[in-house]
Amino acid sequence: MMEGLWGKKIGMTQVFSSEKKVVPVTAIDISNWYVTQIKTKEKDGYDAVQLGCIKDRYQEQEYSQDWLKHPQKYFKALKEVKLGSTTTDYSLGKVANISDILSEGQYVDIFGITKGAGFQGVVKRHGFAGGRASHGATFGRYPGALSHMRSRGRVIKGKKMPGHMGVEQRVMRNLEIVKIETEAKVVLVKGSVPGKSGSLVFVRKSRHG
């Protein structure tokens, strides 16, 4: 069985629980993922399944073996998922089924790439307090000293400085699956998920719950 599924983050919304409380959720689209390659321990050294997300223009078409011959043309993303058991349950061209892997009430870990924020200073990037904004102070949002006598004037490795922010892999652990829309192949997960709307995320069974 696969450890998880790849999906596309749709965005955030809210639903009502059985206690009539508002629950913020993130919608993840798991549709249009096909098995494009099967890897076995005998041949490749490990058991895994490669999944491909079909491009929007081909979603209304029926599955064709030609898709596997030209994956770069028909699939907008190819991702690999490791298997916890044998690969006998999977065949080329099979659509990934949510109910075989995920269920409502289950806790999952979600991996994603954070939003990019470009080049940022130390106040936004690292949460520096900055200087006073009164009495003629000119310190403002400066980073302050970069070195000292013990470092002989050299900047120490790992010093928090201005630079590119975002576009890093992050994981949100132990998020609860509130609801699964089987027909629409959409998973509603409690809380926020890394990345912008439309970005790819990996939903894996939680190992810490």
N, C-alpha and C. Protein backbone atom coordinates (compact mmCIF):
# COMPACT_ATOMS: atom_id res chain seq x y z
N MET A 1 0.84 -1.20 0.00
CA MET A 1 0.00 0.00 0.00
C MET A 1 0.88 1.25 0.00
N MET A 2 0.42 2.29 -0.69
CA MET A 2 1.17 3.53 -0.76
C MET A 2 1.17 4.25 0.58
N GLU A 3 2.28 4.95 0.87
CA GLU A 3 2.39 5.68 2.13
C GLU A 3 1.52 6.93 2.14
N GLY A 4 1.20 7.45 0.96
CA GLY A 4 0.41 8.67 0.88
C GLY A 4 0.01 8.98 -0.54
N LEU A 5 -0.48 10.19 -0.75
CA LEU A 5 -0.93 10.63 -2.07
C LEU A 5 -0.47 12.06 -2.33
N TRP A 6 -0.22 12.36 -3.59
CA TRP A 6 0.05 13.73 -4.00
C TRP A 6 -1.26 14.41 -4.38
N GLY A 7 -1.32 15.71 -4.15
CA GLY A 7 -2.52 16.46 -4.48
C GLY A 7 -2.20 17.92 -4.75
N LYS A 8 -3.22 18.67 -5.14
CA LYS A 8 -3.07 20.10 -5.42
C LYS A 8 -3.87 20.89 -4.39
N LYS A 9 -3.21 21.84 -3.76
CA LYS A 9 -3.88 22.68 -2.76
C LYS A 9 -4.86 23.62 -3.47
N ILE A 10 -6.13 23.55 -3.09
CA ILE A 10 -7.15 24.42 -3.68
C ILE A 10 -7.23 25.73 -2.92
N GLY A 11 -7.25 25.66 -1.61
CA GLY A 11 -7.37 26.86 -0.78
C GLY A 11 -8.04 26.52 0.54
N MET A 12 -8.33 27.54 1.33
CA MET A 12 -8.94 27.33 2.64
C MET A 12 -10.41 27.72 2.63
N THR A 13 -11.17 27.04 3.47
CA THR A 13 -12.58 27.34 3.66
C THR A 13 -12.94 26.93 5.09
N GLN A 14 -14.21 26.80 5.38
CA GLN A 14 -14.62 26.38 6.71
C GLN A 14 -15.84 25.47 6.63
N VAL A 15 -15.93 24.55 7.57
CA VAL A 15 -17.07 23.64 7.66
C VAL A 15 -17.56 23.63 9.11
N PHE A 16 -18.74 23.07 9.31
CA PHE A 16 -19.31 22.98 10.65
C PHE A 16 -19.22 21.55 11.15
N SER A 17 -18.76 21.40 12.39
CA SER A 17 -18.64 20.08 13.00
C SER A 17 -20.00 19.62 13.52
N SER A 18 -20.04 18.40 14.05
CA SER A 18 -21.29 17.87 14.61
C SER A 18 -21.74 18.65 15.84
N GLU A 19 -20.78 19.34 16.50
CA GLU A 19 -21.13 20.19 17.65
C GLU A 19 -21.49 21.61 17.22
N LYS A 20 -21.65 21.81 15.89
CA LYS A 20 -22.00 23.11 15.32
C LYS A 20 -20.93 24.17 15.58
N LYS A 21 -19.68 23.73 15.55
CA LYS A 21 -18.56 24.65 15.69
C LYS A 21 -17.88 24.83 14.33
N VAL A 22 -17.40 26.05 14.07
CA VAL A 22 -16.73 26.33 12.80
C VAL A 22 -15.32 25.74 12.83
N VAL A 23 -14.98 24.98 11.80
CA VAL A 23 -13.67 24.34 11.71
C VAL A 23 -12.98 24.84 10.44
N PRO A 24 -11.84 25.54 10.55
CA PRO A 24 -11.10 25.97 9.36
C PRO A 24 -10.40 24.78 8.71
N VAL A 25 -10.58 24.63 7.41
CA VAL A 25 -10.01 23.49 6.70
C VAL A 25 -9.33 23.94 5.41
N THR A 26 -8.42 23.11 4.95
CA THR A 26 -7.76 23.30 3.65
C THR A 26 -8.23 22.21 2.70
N ALA A 27 -8.67 22.61 1.51
CA ALA A 27 -9.14 21.66 0.51
C ALA A 27 -7.98 21.24 -0.39
N ILE A 28 -7.82 19.93 -0.56
CA ILE A 28 -6.74 19.37 -1.39
C ILE A 28 -7.36 18.47 -2.45
N ASP A 29 -7.06 18.76 -3.71
CA ASP A 29 -7.59 18.00 -4.85
C ASP A 29 -6.67 16.81 -5.13
N ILE A 30 -7.21 15.60 -5.06
CA ILE A 30 -6.42 14.38 -5.28
C ILE A 30 -6.74 13.73 -6.62
N SER A 31 -7.54 14.37 -7.46
CA SER A 31 -7.99 13.76 -8.71
C SER A 31 -6.92 13.82 -9.79
N ASN A 32 -7.14 13.00 -10.84
CA ASN A 32 -6.33 13.00 -12.06
C ASN A 32 -4.89 12.56 -11.85
N TRP A 33 -4.65 11.66 -10.89
CA TRP A 33 -3.32 11.07 -10.69
C TRP A 33 -3.36 9.61 -11.15
N TYR A 34 -2.49 9.29 -12.12
CA TYR A 34 -2.45 7.95 -12.70
C TYR A 34 -1.11 7.27 -12.37
N VAL A 35 -1.15 5.95 -12.29
CA VAL A 35 0.08 5.17 -12.10
C VAL A 35 0.82 5.11 -13.43
N THR A 36 2.01 5.69 -13.48
CA THR A 36 2.78 5.75 -14.73
C THR A 36 3.97 4.79 -14.74
N GLN A 37 4.39 4.34 -13.55
CA GLN A 37 5.52 3.41 -13.48
C GLN A 37 5.47 2.65 -12.16
N ILE A 38 5.85 1.39 -12.19
CA ILE A 38 5.89 0.56 -10.99
C ILE A 38 7.32 0.07 -10.79
N LYS A 39 7.88 0.35 -9.62
CA LYS A 39 9.25 -0.07 -9.30
C LYS A 39 9.21 -1.18 -8.25
N THR A 40 10.01 -2.22 -8.48
CA THR A 40 10.04 -3.37 -7.58
C THR A 40 11.42 -3.52 -6.96
N LYS A 41 11.45 -4.23 -5.83
CA LYS A 41 12.71 -4.42 -5.12
C LYS A 41 13.68 -5.27 -5.93
N GLU A 42 13.16 -6.21 -6.70
CA GLU A 42 14.03 -7.08 -7.49
C GLU A 42 14.71 -6.32 -8.62
N LYS A 43 13.99 -5.40 -9.23
CA LYS A 43 14.52 -4.69 -10.39
C LYS A 43 15.18 -3.35 -10.04
N ASP A 44 14.55 -2.60 -9.12
CA ASP A 44 15.03 -1.25 -8.83
C ASP A 44 15.63 -1.10 -7.43
N GLY A 45 15.54 -2.13 -6.60
CA GLY A 45 16.11 -2.05 -5.27
C GLY A 45 15.14 -1.60 -4.20
N TYR A 46 13.96 -1.16 -4.58
CA TYR A 46 12.92 -0.74 -3.61
C TYR A 46 11.57 -0.77 -4.29
N ASP A 47 10.52 -0.82 -3.47
CA ASP A 47 9.15 -0.85 -3.98
C ASP A 47 8.57 0.55 -3.98
N ALA A 48 8.10 0.99 -5.13
CA ALA A 48 7.52 2.34 -5.24
C ALA A 48 6.61 2.41 -6.45
N VAL A 49 5.79 3.43 -6.46
CA VAL A 49 4.88 3.70 -7.58
C VAL A 49 5.08 5.14 -8.01
N GLN A 50 5.24 5.34 -9.31
CA GLN A 50 5.33 6.70 -9.85
C GLN A 50 3.94 7.14 -10.31
N LEU A 51 3.51 8.30 -9.81
CA LEU A 51 2.20 8.85 -10.16
C LEU A 51 2.37 10.07 -11.05
N GLY A 52 1.49 10.23 -12.01
CA GLY A 52 1.51 11.38 -12.90
C GLY A 52 0.19 12.12 -12.87
N CYS A 53 0.26 13.45 -12.76
CA CYS A 53 -0.94 14.28 -12.77
C CYS A 53 -1.18 14.76 -14.20
N ILE A 54 -2.29 14.35 -14.79
CA ILE A 54 -2.58 14.65 -16.18
C ILE A 54 -2.82 16.15 -16.37
N LYS A 55 -2.41 16.67 -17.51
CA LYS A 55 -2.62 18.09 -17.80
C LYS A 55 -4.10 18.38 -17.99
N ASP A 56 -4.47 19.63 -17.75
CA ASP A 56 -5.88 20.03 -17.78
C ASP A 56 -6.53 19.75 -19.13
N ARG A 57 -5.79 19.94 -20.20
CA ARG A 57 -6.39 19.79 -21.54
C ARG A 57 -6.74 18.34 -21.87
N TYR A 58 -6.15 17.37 -21.14
CA TYR A 58 -6.41 15.96 -21.42
C TYR A 58 -7.29 15.29 -20.36
N GLN A 59 -7.79 16.04 -19.41
CA GLN A 59 -8.54 15.45 -18.31
C GLN A 59 -9.87 14.85 -18.75
N GLU A 60 -10.47 15.39 -19.82
CA GLU A 60 -11.75 14.88 -20.29
C GLU A 60 -11.59 13.68 -21.21
N GLN A 61 -10.37 13.37 -21.61
CA GLN A 61 -10.14 12.25 -22.52
C GLN A 61 -10.01 10.94 -21.74
N GLU A 62 -10.28 9.83 -22.42
CA GLU A 62 -10.11 8.52 -21.82
C GLU A 62 -8.63 8.15 -21.79
N TYR A 63 -8.28 7.32 -20.81
CA TYR A 63 -6.89 6.92 -20.64
C TYR A 63 -6.37 6.19 -21.89
N SER A 64 -5.13 6.51 -22.26
CA SER A 64 -4.51 5.89 -23.42
C SER A 64 -3.08 5.48 -23.07
N GLN A 65 -2.63 4.36 -23.64
CA GLN A 65 -1.26 3.89 -23.41
C GLN A 65 -0.24 4.87 -23.96
N ASP A 66 -0.67 5.72 -24.87
CA ASP A 66 0.23 6.71 -25.45
C ASP A 66 0.69 7.72 -24.40
N TRP A 67 -0.11 7.89 -23.34
CA TRP A 67 0.28 8.81 -22.26
C TRP A 67 1.58 8.36 -21.60
N LEU A 68 1.74 7.04 -21.44
CA LEU A 68 2.93 6.51 -20.78
C LEU A 68 4.16 6.58 -21.68
N LYS A 69 3.96 6.58 -22.99
CA LYS A 69 5.08 6.67 -23.92
C LYS A 69 5.65 8.08 -23.98
N HIS A 70 4.79 9.08 -23.75
CA HIS A 70 5.22 10.49 -23.79
C HIS A 70 4.75 11.21 -22.52
N PRO A 71 5.33 10.86 -21.37
CA PRO A 71 4.84 11.43 -20.10
C PRO A 71 5.01 12.93 -19.99
N GLN A 72 6.07 13.48 -20.58
CA GLN A 72 6.30 14.92 -20.48
C GLN A 72 5.25 15.71 -21.24
N LYS A 73 4.64 15.09 -22.23
CA LYS A 73 3.63 15.77 -23.04
C LYS A 73 2.27 15.78 -22.34
N TYR A 74 1.92 14.68 -21.69
CA TYR A 74 0.57 14.53 -21.14
C TYR A 74 0.46 14.81 -19.65
N PHE A 75 1.58 14.71 -18.92
CA PHE A 75 1.53 14.90 -17.46
C PHE A 75 2.26 16.18 -17.07
N LYS A 76 1.63 16.95 -16.18
CA LYS A 76 2.26 18.20 -15.71
C LYS A 76 3.14 17.98 -14.49
N ALA A 77 3.03 16.81 -13.87
CA ALA A 77 3.87 16.49 -12.72
C ALA A 77 4.00 14.98 -12.60
N LEU A 78 5.22 14.52 -12.29
CA LEU A 78 5.49 13.11 -12.05
C LEU A 78 6.13 12.98 -10.67
N LYS A 79 5.49 12.23 -9.79
CA LYS A 79 5.97 12.08 -8.42
C LYS A 79 6.02 10.61 -8.04
N GLU A 80 6.97 10.30 -7.15
CA GLU A 80 7.15 8.92 -6.73
C GLU A 80 6.68 8.74 -5.29
N VAL A 81 6.00 7.64 -5.02
CA VAL A 81 5.51 7.32 -3.68
C VAL A 81 5.99 5.92 -3.32
N LYS A 82 6.64 5.80 -2.17
CA LYS A 82 7.12 4.50 -1.73
C LYS A 82 5.97 3.63 -1.23
N LEU A 83 6.19 2.34 -1.34
CA LEU A 83 5.17 1.38 -0.93
C LEU A 83 5.58 0.69 0.36
N GLY A 84 4.60 0.48 1.23
CA GLY A 84 4.88 -0.23 2.47
C GLY A 84 4.80 -1.73 2.31
N SER A 85 4.22 -2.19 1.19
CA SER A 85 4.09 -3.63 0.93
C SER A 85 4.38 -3.89 -0.54
N THR A 86 3.87 -4.97 -1.07
CA THR A 86 4.15 -5.35 -2.45
C THR A 86 3.38 -4.47 -3.43
N THR A 87 3.74 -4.59 -4.72
CA THR A 87 3.14 -3.77 -5.77
C THR A 87 2.07 -4.52 -6.55
N THR A 88 1.59 -5.64 -6.03
CA THR A 88 0.65 -6.47 -6.80
C THR A 88 -0.70 -5.79 -7.01
N ASP A 89 -1.05 -4.82 -6.15
CA ASP A 89 -2.36 -4.18 -6.25
C ASP A 89 -2.39 -3.04 -7.25
N TYR A 90 -1.28 -2.75 -7.89
CA TYR A 90 -1.20 -1.60 -8.78
C TYR A 90 -0.87 -2.04 -10.20
N SER A 91 -1.45 -1.31 -11.15
CA SER A 91 -1.20 -1.57 -12.56
C SER A 91 -1.06 -0.24 -13.29
N LEU A 92 -0.37 -0.25 -14.41
CA LEU A 92 -0.14 0.97 -15.17
C LEU A 92 -1.46 1.55 -15.66
N GLY A 93 -1.62 2.84 -15.51
CA GLY A 93 -2.83 3.51 -15.95
C GLY A 93 -3.94 3.55 -14.92
N LYS A 94 -3.73 2.89 -13.77
CA LYS A 94 -4.76 2.88 -12.73
C LYS A 94 -4.82 4.25 -12.04
N VAL A 95 -6.03 4.70 -11.75
CA VAL A 95 -6.22 5.98 -11.06
C VAL A 95 -6.03 5.77 -9.56
N ALA A 96 -5.26 6.66 -8.92
CA ALA A 96 -5.04 6.56 -7.48
C ALA A 96 -6.36 6.75 -6.73
N ASN A 97 -6.67 5.82 -5.85
CA ASN A 97 -7.93 5.83 -5.11
C ASN A 97 -7.70 6.35 -3.69
N ILE A 98 -8.48 7.38 -3.30
CA ILE A 98 -8.30 7.99 -1.98
C ILE A 98 -8.68 7.02 -0.87
N SER A 99 -9.80 6.34 -1.02
CA SER A 99 -10.34 5.49 0.05
C SER A 99 -9.43 4.33 0.41
N ASP A 100 -8.52 3.94 -0.51
CA ASP A 100 -7.60 2.84 -0.22
C ASP A 100 -6.50 3.27 0.74
N ILE A 101 -6.27 4.57 0.87
CA ILE A 101 -5.13 5.06 1.64
C ILE A 101 -5.55 5.95 2.81
N LEU A 102 -6.53 6.85 2.56
CA LEU A 102 -6.93 7.82 3.58
C LEU A 102 -8.36 7.58 4.02
N SER A 103 -8.68 8.03 5.23
CA SER A 103 -10.03 7.91 5.76
C SER A 103 -10.32 9.09 6.67
N GLU A 104 -11.60 9.39 6.86
CA GLU A 104 -12.01 10.51 7.71
C GLU A 104 -11.63 10.23 9.17
N GLY A 105 -11.17 11.29 9.85
CA GLY A 105 -10.73 11.14 11.23
C GLY A 105 -9.28 10.74 11.38
N GLN A 106 -8.64 10.38 10.26
CA GLN A 106 -7.25 9.98 10.29
C GLN A 106 -6.34 11.20 10.40
N TYR A 107 -5.17 11.02 11.01
CA TYR A 107 -4.19 12.10 11.13
C TYR A 107 -3.09 11.90 10.09
N VAL A 108 -2.71 13.01 9.44
CA VAL A 108 -1.75 12.95 8.35
C VAL A 108 -0.68 14.01 8.52
N ASP A 109 0.46 13.79 7.86
CA ASP A 109 1.52 14.79 7.73
C ASP A 109 1.48 15.31 6.30
N ILE A 110 1.54 16.63 6.14
CA ILE A 110 1.44 17.22 4.81
C ILE A 110 2.71 18.01 4.50
N PHE A 111 3.35 17.64 3.38
CA PHE A 111 4.58 18.29 2.94
C PHE A 111 4.25 19.26 1.81
N GLY A 112 4.88 20.42 1.81
CA GLY A 112 4.65 21.40 0.76
C GLY A 112 5.79 22.41 0.69
N ILE A 113 5.78 23.21 -0.36
CA ILE A 113 6.76 24.28 -0.55
C ILE A 113 6.12 25.60 -0.16
N THR A 114 6.75 26.33 0.75
CA THR A 114 6.17 27.58 1.25
C THR A 114 6.12 28.65 0.17
N LYS A 115 5.30 29.65 0.39
CA LYS A 115 5.19 30.78 -0.53
C LYS A 115 6.51 31.55 -0.58
N GLY A 116 6.84 32.07 -1.77
CA GLY A 116 8.03 32.89 -1.90
C GLY A 116 7.75 34.33 -1.53
N ALA A 117 8.69 34.95 -0.81
CA ALA A 117 8.53 36.34 -0.38
C ALA A 117 9.63 37.23 -0.93
N GLY A 118 10.49 36.68 -1.80
CA GLY A 118 11.56 37.49 -2.38
C GLY A 118 12.65 37.82 -1.37
N PHE A 119 13.39 38.90 -1.65
CA PHE A 119 14.47 39.35 -0.76
C PHE A 119 13.87 40.16 0.38
N GLN A 120 14.12 39.73 1.61
CA GLN A 120 13.55 40.41 2.78
C GLN A 120 14.63 40.72 3.81
N GLY A 121 14.34 41.72 4.63
CA GLY A 121 15.26 42.11 5.69
C GLY A 121 15.12 41.23 6.92
N VAL A 122 15.92 41.55 7.94
CA VAL A 122 15.96 40.69 9.12
C VAL A 122 14.69 40.79 9.97
N VAL A 123 13.97 41.91 9.88
CA VAL A 123 12.76 42.07 10.69
C VAL A 123 11.68 41.10 10.23
N LYS A 124 11.44 41.02 8.93
CA LYS A 124 10.42 40.11 8.41
C LYS A 124 10.94 38.68 8.31
N ARG A 125 12.21 38.52 7.95
CA ARG A 125 12.75 37.18 7.72
C ARG A 125 13.02 36.42 9.02
N HIS A 126 13.55 37.13 10.02
CA HIS A 126 13.94 36.46 11.26
C HIS A 126 13.21 36.98 12.50
N GLY A 127 12.38 38.01 12.33
CA GLY A 127 11.62 38.50 13.48
C GLY A 127 12.41 39.41 14.39
N PHE A 128 13.44 40.11 13.88
CA PHE A 128 14.20 41.06 14.70
C PHE A 128 13.27 42.18 15.17
N ALA A 129 13.52 42.69 16.36
CA ALA A 129 12.68 43.75 16.92
C ALA A 129 12.96 45.10 16.29
N GLY A 130 14.20 45.33 15.84
CA GLY A 130 14.54 46.64 15.28
C GLY A 130 14.80 47.65 16.39
N GLY A 131 15.13 48.86 15.99
CA GLY A 131 15.43 49.91 16.96
C GLY A 131 14.22 50.76 17.30
N ARG A 132 14.45 51.75 18.15
CA ARG A 132 13.37 52.65 18.54
C ARG A 132 12.93 53.51 17.36
N ALA A 133 11.68 53.89 17.37
CA ALA A 133 11.14 54.73 16.29
C ALA A 133 10.88 56.14 16.78
N SER A 134 11.66 56.58 17.78
CA SER A 134 11.45 57.93 18.33
C SER A 134 12.77 58.53 18.79
N HIS A 135 12.73 59.81 19.18
CA HIS A 135 13.89 60.54 19.71
C HIS A 135 15.06 60.57 18.73
N GLY A 136 14.72 60.69 17.45
CA GLY A 136 15.76 60.85 16.44
C GLY A 136 16.55 59.60 16.14
N ALA A 137 16.05 58.44 16.54
CA ALA A 137 16.78 57.19 16.31
C ALA A 137 16.85 56.90 14.82
N THR A 138 18.02 56.47 14.36
CA THR A 138 18.23 56.13 12.95
C THR A 138 18.47 54.63 12.76
N PHE A 139 18.38 53.86 13.85
CA PHE A 139 18.67 52.43 13.75
C PHE A 139 17.60 51.70 12.93
N GLY A 140 16.34 52.00 13.20
CA GLY A 140 15.24 51.46 12.40
C GLY A 140 15.23 49.96 12.29
N ARG A 141 15.29 49.46 11.05
CA ARG A 141 15.20 48.03 10.78
C ARG A 141 16.56 47.44 10.43
N TYR A 142 17.64 48.06 10.90
CA TYR A 142 18.98 47.57 10.61
C TYR A 142 19.24 46.23 11.31
N PRO A 143 20.11 45.39 10.76
CA PRO A 143 20.44 44.11 11.40
C PRO A 143 21.38 44.24 12.58
N GLY A 144 22.13 45.34 12.67
CA GLY A 144 23.08 45.49 13.77
C GLY A 144 24.45 44.94 13.39
N ALA A 145 25.29 44.71 14.40
CA ALA A 145 26.66 44.25 14.17
C ALA A 145 26.66 42.84 13.58
N LEU A 146 27.57 42.61 12.65
CA LEU A 146 27.67 41.31 11.99
C LEU A 146 28.80 40.45 12.56
N SER A 147 29.72 41.05 13.32
CA SER A 147 30.84 40.29 13.87
C SER A 147 31.29 40.95 15.17
N HIS A 148 32.31 40.36 15.82
CA HIS A 148 32.84 40.92 17.06
C HIS A 148 34.29 40.50 17.21
N MET A 149 34.90 40.89 18.33
CA MET A 149 36.33 40.65 18.51
C MET A 149 36.65 39.16 18.58
N ARG A 150 35.78 38.37 19.19
CA ARG A 150 36.07 36.94 19.33
C ARG A 150 36.10 36.24 17.98
N SER A 151 35.38 36.79 17.00
CA SER A 151 35.41 36.21 15.66
C SER A 151 36.46 36.89 14.78
N ARG A 152 37.26 37.80 15.41
CA ARG A 152 38.32 38.52 14.69
C ARG A 152 37.78 39.29 13.49
N GLY A 153 36.59 39.83 13.66
CA GLY A 153 36.02 40.66 12.60
C GLY A 153 35.35 39.89 11.48
N ARG A 154 35.40 38.55 11.55
CA ARG A 154 34.77 37.74 10.50
C ARG A 154 33.30 37.48 10.84
N VAL A 155 32.48 37.37 9.80
CA VAL A 155 31.07 37.04 10.00
C VAL A 155 30.96 35.54 10.30
N ILE A 156 30.32 35.21 11.41
CA ILE A 156 30.18 33.81 11.82
C ILE A 156 29.20 33.09 10.90
N LYS A 157 29.50 31.84 10.59
CA LYS A 157 28.61 31.05 9.75
C LYS A 157 27.26 30.87 10.44
N GLY A 158 26.20 31.00 9.64
CA GLY A 158 24.86 30.86 10.18
C GLY A 158 24.29 32.15 10.73
N LYS A 159 24.99 33.26 10.56
CA LYS A 159 24.51 34.55 11.05
C LYS A 159 23.20 34.91 10.36
N LYS A 160 22.20 35.34 11.15
CA LYS A 160 20.92 35.73 10.59
C LYS A 160 21.05 37.07 9.89
N MET A 161 20.86 37.06 8.58
CA MET A 161 21.06 38.25 7.76
C MET A 161 19.92 38.38 6.75
N PRO A 162 19.82 39.53 6.08
CA PRO A 162 18.82 39.66 5.00
C PRO A 162 19.09 38.65 3.89
N GLY A 163 18.04 38.27 3.17
CA GLY A 163 18.21 37.32 2.07
C GLY A 163 16.88 36.84 1.54
N HIS A 164 16.96 35.84 0.68
CA HIS A 164 15.74 35.29 0.07
C HIS A 164 14.91 34.57 1.11
N MET A 165 13.60 34.79 1.06
CA MET A 165 12.69 34.21 2.05
C MET A 165 11.64 33.36 1.34
N GLY A 166 11.34 32.21 1.92
CA GLY A 166 10.31 31.34 1.36
C GLY A 166 10.85 30.32 0.39
N VAL A 167 9.93 29.62 -0.32
CA VAL A 167 10.26 28.56 -1.28
C VAL A 167 11.13 27.50 -0.60
N GLU A 168 10.69 27.04 0.56
CA GLU A 168 11.38 25.99 1.31
C GLU A 168 10.38 24.90 1.67
N GLN A 169 10.87 23.68 1.76
CA GLN A 169 9.97 22.57 2.11
C GLN A 169 9.62 22.64 3.59
N ARG A 170 8.33 22.54 3.88
CA ARG A 170 7.84 22.52 5.24
C ARG A 170 6.86 21.37 5.40
N VAL A 171 6.71 20.90 6.62
CA VAL A 171 5.77 19.82 6.90
C VAL A 171 4.90 20.21 8.09
N MET A 172 3.60 19.99 7.94
CA MET A 172 2.64 20.19 9.03
C MET A 172 2.22 18.80 9.50
N ARG A 173 2.49 18.50 10.75
CA ARG A 173 2.27 17.16 11.27
C ARG A 173 0.95 17.05 12.05
N ASN A 174 0.42 15.85 12.03
CA ASN A 174 -0.77 15.49 12.82
C ASN A 174 -1.97 16.39 12.52
N LEU A 175 -2.26 16.59 11.23
CA LEU A 175 -3.47 17.31 10.84
C LEU A 175 -4.60 16.30 10.62
N GLU A 176 -5.76 16.62 11.11
CA GLU A 176 -6.88 15.69 11.04
C GLU A 176 -7.65 15.84 9.73
N ILE A 177 -8.00 14.72 9.12
CA ILE A 177 -8.85 14.73 7.94
C ILE A 177 -10.29 14.88 8.40
N VAL A 178 -10.89 16.03 8.12
CA VAL A 178 -12.25 16.31 8.57
C VAL A 178 -13.27 15.60 7.69
N LYS A 179 -13.04 15.65 6.37
CA LYS A 179 -14.01 15.07 5.44
C LYS A 179 -13.33 14.70 4.14
N ILE A 180 -13.84 13.66 3.49
CA ILE A 180 -13.36 13.25 2.17
C ILE A 180 -14.54 13.24 1.21
N GLU A 181 -14.45 14.09 0.17
CA GLU A 181 -15.47 14.11 -0.88
C GLU A 181 -15.05 13.08 -1.93
N THR A 182 -15.63 11.89 -1.85
CA THR A 182 -15.19 10.78 -2.70
C THR A 182 -15.42 11.06 -4.18
N GLU A 183 -16.59 11.58 -4.54
CA GLU A 183 -16.90 11.83 -5.95
C GLU A 183 -16.02 12.92 -6.53
N ALA A 184 -15.83 14.01 -5.79
CA ALA A 184 -15.00 15.11 -6.28
C ALA A 184 -13.51 14.85 -6.05
N LYS A 185 -13.19 13.80 -5.26
CA LYS A 185 -11.80 13.46 -4.92
C LYS A 185 -11.09 14.65 -4.28
N VAL A 186 -11.74 15.19 -3.26
CA VAL A 186 -11.20 16.33 -2.51
C VAL A 186 -11.12 15.94 -1.04
N VAL A 187 -9.98 16.24 -0.42
CA VAL A 187 -9.77 15.97 1.00
C VAL A 187 -9.78 17.29 1.76
N LEU A 188 -10.56 17.36 2.83
CA LEU A 188 -10.61 18.54 3.69
C LEU A 188 -9.81 18.25 4.96
N VAL A 189 -8.72 19.01 5.14
CA VAL A 189 -7.81 18.80 6.26
C VAL A 189 -7.92 19.97 7.22
N LYS A 190 -8.01 19.69 8.50
CA LYS A 190 -8.14 20.74 9.51
C LYS A 190 -6.86 21.56 9.61
N GLY A 191 -7.01 22.89 9.53
CA GLY A 191 -5.86 23.78 9.66
C GLY A 191 -5.28 24.20 8.32
N SER A 192 -4.12 24.84 8.38
CA SER A 192 -3.46 25.37 7.19
C SER A 192 -2.41 24.39 6.68
N VAL A 193 -2.05 24.57 5.41
CA VAL A 193 -1.11 23.70 4.72
C VAL A 193 -0.07 24.57 4.03
N PRO A 194 1.21 24.18 4.01
CA PRO A 194 2.24 25.00 3.36
C PRO A 194 1.96 25.18 1.87
N GLY A 195 2.36 26.34 1.34
CA GLY A 195 2.26 26.60 -0.09
C GLY A 195 1.11 27.48 -0.48
N LYS A 196 1.17 27.96 -1.71
CA LYS A 196 0.11 28.80 -2.25
C LYS A 196 -0.96 27.93 -2.90
N SER A 197 -2.08 28.52 -3.23
CA SER A 197 -3.15 27.79 -3.90
C SER A 197 -2.68 27.33 -5.28
N GLY A 198 -2.88 26.07 -5.58
CA GLY A 198 -2.44 25.50 -6.84
C GLY A 198 -1.12 24.75 -6.74
N SER A 199 -0.44 24.83 -5.62
CA SER A 199 0.84 24.15 -5.46
C SER A 199 0.62 22.69 -5.07
N LEU A 200 1.61 21.86 -5.35
CA LEU A 200 1.53 20.44 -5.06
C LEU A 200 1.91 20.17 -3.60
N VAL A 201 1.16 19.28 -2.96
CA VAL A 201 1.45 18.87 -1.59
C VAL A 201 1.38 17.35 -1.51
N PHE A 202 2.10 16.80 -0.54
CA PHE A 202 2.11 15.35 -0.34
C PHE A 202 1.42 15.04 0.98
N VAL A 203 0.38 14.23 0.92
CA VAL A 203 -0.40 13.85 2.11
C VAL A 203 0.02 12.43 2.51
N ARG A 204 0.64 12.32 3.68
CA ARG A 204 1.16 11.03 4.15
C ARG A 204 0.55 10.67 5.50
N LYS A 205 0.34 9.39 5.71
CA LYS A 205 -0.16 8.94 7.01
C LYS A 205 0.81 9.38 8.10
N SER A 206 0.26 9.93 9.18
CA SER A 206 1.10 10.47 10.24
C SER A 206 1.88 9.35 10.93
N ARG A 207 3.16 9.62 11.21
CA ARG A 207 4.00 8.65 11.90
C ARG A 207 4.22 9.04 13.36
N HIS A 208 3.62 10.15 13.76
CA HIS A 208 3.85 10.65 15.12
C HIS A 208 2.56 10.74 15.91
N GLY A 209 1.42 10.41 15.30
CA GLY A 209 0.14 10.54 15.98
C GLY A 209 -0.19 9.35 16.87
